[in-house]
C-alpha atoms as a PDB file:
ATOM      1  CA  MET A   1      10.809 -10.515 -38.841  1.00  0.00           C
ATOM      2  CA  GLU A   2       9.104 -12.315 -35.975  1.00  0.00           C
ATOM      3  CA  LYS A   3       7.245 -10.151 -33.445  1.00  0.00           C
ATOM      4  CA  ARG A   4       7.936 -10.861 -29.787  1.00  0.00           C
ATOM      5  CA  LEU A   5       6.154  -9.655 -26.678  1.00  0.00           C
ATOM      6  CA  TYR A   6       8.441  -7.803 -24.244  1.00  0.00           C
ATOM      7  CA  LEU A   7       8.044  -5.537 -21.239  1.00  0.00           C
ATOM      8  CA  SER A   8       8.200  -1.937 -22.380  1.00  0.00           C
ATOM      9  CA  ASP A   9      11.337  -0.006 -21.488  1.00  0.00           C
ATOM     10  CA  ILE A  10       9.985   3.434 -22.303  1.00  0.00           C
ATOM     11  CA  ASP A  11       6.213   3.228 -21.791  1.00  0.00           C
ATOM     12  CA  LYS A  12       5.669   1.881 -18.315  1.00  0.00           C
ATOM     13  CA  LYS A  13       3.781   2.981 -15.260  1.00  0.00           C
ATOM     14  CA  TRP A  14       4.454   0.017 -12.963  1.00  0.00           C
ATOM     15  CA  GLY A  15       6.036  -2.909 -14.723  1.00  0.00           C
ATOM     16  CA  GLY A  16       5.723  -2.222 -18.427  1.00  0.00           C
ATOM     17  CA  VAL A  17       3.152  -4.946 -19.126  1.00  0.00           C
ATOM     18  CA  CYS A  18       0.496  -2.726 -20.701  1.00  0.00           C
ATOM     19  CA  GLY A  19       3.108  -0.722 -22.576  1.00  0.00           C
ATOM     20  CA  GLY A  20       4.620  -3.927 -23.940  1.00  0.00           C
ATOM     21  CA  ILE A  21       1.223  -5.231 -25.059  1.00  0.00           C
ATOM     22  CA  ALA A  22       0.503  -1.880 -26.722  1.00  0.00           C
ATOM     23  CA  GLU A  23       3.838  -1.954 -28.562  1.00  0.00           C
ATOM     24  CA  TYR A  24       3.171  -5.527 -29.712  1.00  0.00           C
ATOM     25  CA  PHE A  25      -0.260  -4.688 -31.146  1.00  0.00           C
ATOM     26  CA  ASN A  26       0.814  -1.181 -32.252  1.00  0.00           C
ATOM     27  CA  VAL A  27      -1.953   0.625 -30.352  1.00  0.00           C
ATOM     28  CA  ASP A  28      -1.989   3.378 -27.749  1.00  0.00           C
ATOM     29  CA  SER A  29      -0.986   2.155 -24.293  1.00  0.00           C
ATOM     30  CA  THR A  30      -3.752   4.229 -22.694  1.00  0.00           C
ATOM     31  CA  LEU A  31      -6.304   2.076 -24.501  1.00  0.00           C
ATOM     32  CA  ILE A  32      -4.684  -1.111 -23.190  1.00  0.00           C
ATOM     33  CA  ARG A  33      -4.572   0.289 -19.648  1.00  0.00           C
ATOM     34  CA  LEU A  34      -8.227   1.328 -19.837  1.00  0.00           C
ATOM     35  CA  ILE A  35      -9.276  -2.123 -21.057  1.00  0.00           C
ATOM     36  CA  TRP A  36      -7.187  -3.764 -18.324  1.00  0.00           C
ATOM     37  CA  VAL A  37      -8.755  -1.584 -15.607  1.00  0.00           C
ATOM     38  CA  LEU A  38     -12.279  -2.259 -16.859  1.00  0.00           C
ATOM     39  CA  LEU A  39     -11.667  -6.011 -16.980  1.00  0.00           C
ATOM     40  CA  THR A  40     -10.190  -5.881 -13.482  1.00  0.00           C
ATOM     41  CA  ILE A  41     -13.195  -3.996 -12.116  1.00  0.00           C
ATOM     42  CA  PHE A  42     -15.716  -6.303 -13.770  1.00  0.00           C
ATOM     43  CA  SER A  43     -13.890  -9.446 -12.608  1.00  0.00           C
ATOM     44  CA  ALA A  44     -14.127  -8.435  -8.931  1.00  0.00           C
ATOM     45  CA  GLY A  45     -10.585  -7.045  -8.911  1.00  0.00           C
ATOM     46  CA  PHE A  46      -8.394  -9.999  -8.127  1.00  0.00           C
ATOM     47  CA  GLY A  47      -8.435 -11.670 -11.549  1.00  0.00           C
ATOM     48  CA  GLY A  48      -6.928  -8.677 -13.325  1.00  0.00           C
ATOM     49  CA  LEU A  49      -4.373  -7.999 -10.613  1.00  0.00           C
ATOM     50  CA  ILE A  50      -3.207 -11.601 -10.526  1.00  0.00           C
ATOM     51  CA  ALA A  51      -3.027 -11.712 -14.337  1.00  0.00           C
ATOM     52  CA  TYR A  52      -0.946  -8.508 -14.334  1.00  0.00           C
ATOM     53  CA  LEU A  53       1.492  -9.909 -11.773  1.00  0.00           C
ATOM     54  CA  ILE A  54       1.822 -13.175 -13.701  1.00  0.00           C
ATOM     55  CA  ALA A  55       2.385 -11.299 -16.973  1.00  0.00           C
ATOM     56  CA  TRP A  56       4.975  -9.089 -15.261  1.00  0.00           C
ATOM     57  CA  ALA A  57       6.784 -12.181 -13.966  1.00  0.00           C
ATOM     58  CA  ILE A  58       6.858 -14.132 -17.246  1.00  0.00           C
ATOM     59  CA  MET A  59       7.268 -11.421 -19.886  1.00  0.00           C
ATOM     60  CA  PRO A  60      10.955 -10.990 -20.742  1.00  0.00           C
ATOM     61  CA  GLN A  61      12.738  -7.655 -20.874  1.00  0.00           C
ATOM     62  CA  ARG A  62      14.185  -6.516 -24.171  1.00  0.00           C
ATOM     63  CA  THR A  63      17.936  -7.065 -24.164  1.00  0.00           C
END
């Protein structure tokens, strides 16, 4: 069965991006959120926020 990346329906804080990535890689969503926050901080903030918004816009919802 082919794995697909979707927004999470059950594990979301804002848009479900980190929860969806965690489900795809079968890891804890807290770890993904922590990595995302650290990358955002170390990239002067805007890179991570823009990437999150783009991911939120292009990742499909599970139907």
